[in-house]
Amino acid sequence: MSDYFLGDVVLAPVSFGRPNEMKIRPAVVIDTDSRGFVRICPVTSRIPSDFSNIPLELNDFEKGGLSLFDESYILISEISRVRKNEIAGKKGRLTEEKINAISNFITFL
């Protein structure tokens, strides 16, 4: 089982408002726990109209990346929790500057 850290970009099952309709989508890791769960925020290429979000561009990656043709968005208000073994893969890691921007939006429990 891989270790995941704040700022890792992964492919994970995500539900956009429909819990029974999960799709493997890019997501940003915001927290992990000792029980094998990871909290994530999904990434979308559609401009959100009613969600708190942080823009995501190619130059926001320290390592790896996504096939971004246009700006994408980290949906901060759509935090979900998945098991580590449900994560399909790691796509990259965000820069410290972008991680700090995410941290400024999120209060950890």
Protein backbone atom coordinates (compact mmCIF):
# COMPACT_ATOMS: atom_id res chain seq x y z
CA MET A 1 0.00 0.00 0.00
CA SER A 2 1.45 3.36 -1.05
CA ASP A 3 1.87 6.34 1.20
CA TYR A 4 0.07 9.52 0.19
CA PHE A 5 0.73 13.05 1.34
CA LEU A 6 -0.88 16.48 1.15
CA GLY A 7 -0.40 17.70 -2.42
CA ASP A 8 -0.19 14.32 -4.16
CA VAL A 9 -2.40 14.10 -7.24
CA VAL A 10 -3.98 10.67 -7.59
CA LEU A 11 -6.61 8.84 -9.60
CA ALA A 12 -9.39 7.84 -7.22
CA PRO A 13 -13.10 7.00 -7.19
CA VAL A 14 -15.04 10.25 -6.97
CA SER A 15 -18.75 11.00 -6.82
CA PHE A 16 -20.06 14.40 -7.89
CA GLY A 17 -23.26 14.48 -5.84
CA ARG A 18 -24.36 10.93 -6.67
CA PRO A 19 -22.92 8.44 -4.15
CA ASN A 20 -23.77 5.37 -6.24
CA GLU A 21 -22.09 6.71 -9.37
CA MET A 22 -18.37 6.62 -8.70
CA LYS A 23 -15.85 7.39 -11.45
CA ILE A 24 -12.07 7.24 -11.38
CA ARG A 25 -11.03 10.89 -11.57
CA PRO A 26 -8.01 13.02 -10.69
CA ALA A 27 -8.02 14.22 -7.10
CA VAL A 28 -5.68 16.00 -4.71
CA VAL A 29 -4.77 14.36 -1.40
CA ILE A 30 -5.42 16.66 1.54
CA ASP A 31 -5.02 14.26 4.48
CA THR A 32 -4.46 10.63 5.47
CA ASP A 33 -5.20 8.68 8.61
CA SER A 34 -3.77 5.63 10.34
CA ARG A 35 -6.81 3.48 9.44
CA GLY A 36 -5.97 3.41 5.72
CA PHE A 37 -8.18 6.27 4.52
CA VAL A 38 -7.24 9.29 2.41
CA ARG A 39 -9.22 12.54 2.19
CA ILE A 40 -9.27 13.98 -1.31
CA CYS A 41 -10.63 16.91 -3.32
CA PRO A 42 -11.63 16.09 -6.90
CA VAL A 43 -10.21 17.93 -9.90
CA THR A 44 -12.44 19.00 -12.77
CA SER A 45 -11.87 20.73 -16.09
CA ARG A 46 -15.33 22.29 -16.02
CA ILE A 47 -15.57 25.79 -14.63
CA PRO A 48 -17.39 25.42 -11.29
CA SER A 49 -20.24 27.81 -10.66
CA ASP A 50 -21.18 26.99 -7.10
CA PHE A 51 -18.18 25.31 -5.47
CA SER A 52 -15.17 26.72 -3.67
CA ASN A 53 -12.24 25.95 -5.93
CA ILE A 54 -8.58 26.56 -6.60
CA PRO A 55 -7.36 26.84 -10.21
CA LEU A 56 -4.88 24.16 -11.32
CA GLU A 57 -2.44 24.55 -14.23
CA LEU A 58 0.44 22.49 -15.62
CA ASN A 59 3.05 24.68 -13.92
CA ASP A 60 1.45 23.86 -10.52
CA PHE A 61 3.12 20.43 -10.61
CA GLU A 62 6.48 19.80 -8.97
CA LYS A 63 6.53 16.23 -10.36
CA GLY A 64 4.38 14.44 -12.90
CA GLY A 65 1.13 16.02 -13.99
CA LEU A 66 -2.18 15.60 -15.76
CA SER A 67 -3.05 15.97 -19.43
CA LEU A 68 -4.36 19.48 -18.95
CA PHE A 69 -5.23 21.41 -22.08
CA ASP A 70 -6.91 24.20 -20.20
CA GLU A 71 -7.03 25.31 -16.61
CA SER A 72 -8.65 22.82 -14.24
CA TYR A 73 -10.05 23.31 -10.76
CA ILE A 74 -9.56 21.65 -7.38
CA LEU A 75 -13.02 21.43 -5.79
CA ILE A 76 -12.26 22.30 -2.19
CA SER A 77 -15.90 22.02 -1.09
CA GLU A 78 -16.21 18.43 -2.37
CA ILE A 79 -13.93 16.66 0.12
CA SER A 80 -14.43 12.90 0.20
CA ARG A 81 -12.76 9.95 1.87
CA VAL A 82 -11.49 6.83 0.10
CA ARG A 83 -9.52 3.79 1.16
CA LYS A 84 -5.86 3.82 0.13
CA ASN A 85 -6.34 0.55 -1.75
CA GLU A 86 -9.07 2.17 -3.90
CA ILE A 87 -6.61 4.68 -5.36
CA ALA A 88 -5.77 3.65 -8.93
CA GLY A 89 -2.45 5.49 -9.15
CA LYS A 90 -0.41 8.56 -8.43
CA LYS A 91 -0.13 11.17 -11.20
CA GLY A 92 2.15 13.71 -9.60
CA ARG A 93 2.86 16.15 -6.83
CA LEU A 94 1.90 19.82 -6.58
CA THR A 95 4.34 22.65 -5.85
CA GLU A 96 4.72 23.94 -2.30
CA GLU A 97 3.05 27.18 -3.38
CA LYS A 98 -0.08 25.32 -4.56
CA ILE A 99 -0.07 23.11 -1.44
CA ASN A 100 0.00 26.25 0.71
CA ALA A 101 -2.96 27.67 -1.24
CA ILE A 102 -4.91 24.46 -0.56
CA SER A 103 -3.96 24.51 3.13
CA ASN A 104 -5.23 28.06 3.46
CA PHE A 105 -8.70 26.88 2.37
CA ILE A 106 -8.96 23.73 4.43
CA THR A 107 -9.14 23.25 8.19
CA PHE A 108 -8.08 19.79 9.25
CA LEU A 109 -10.07 18.05 11.95
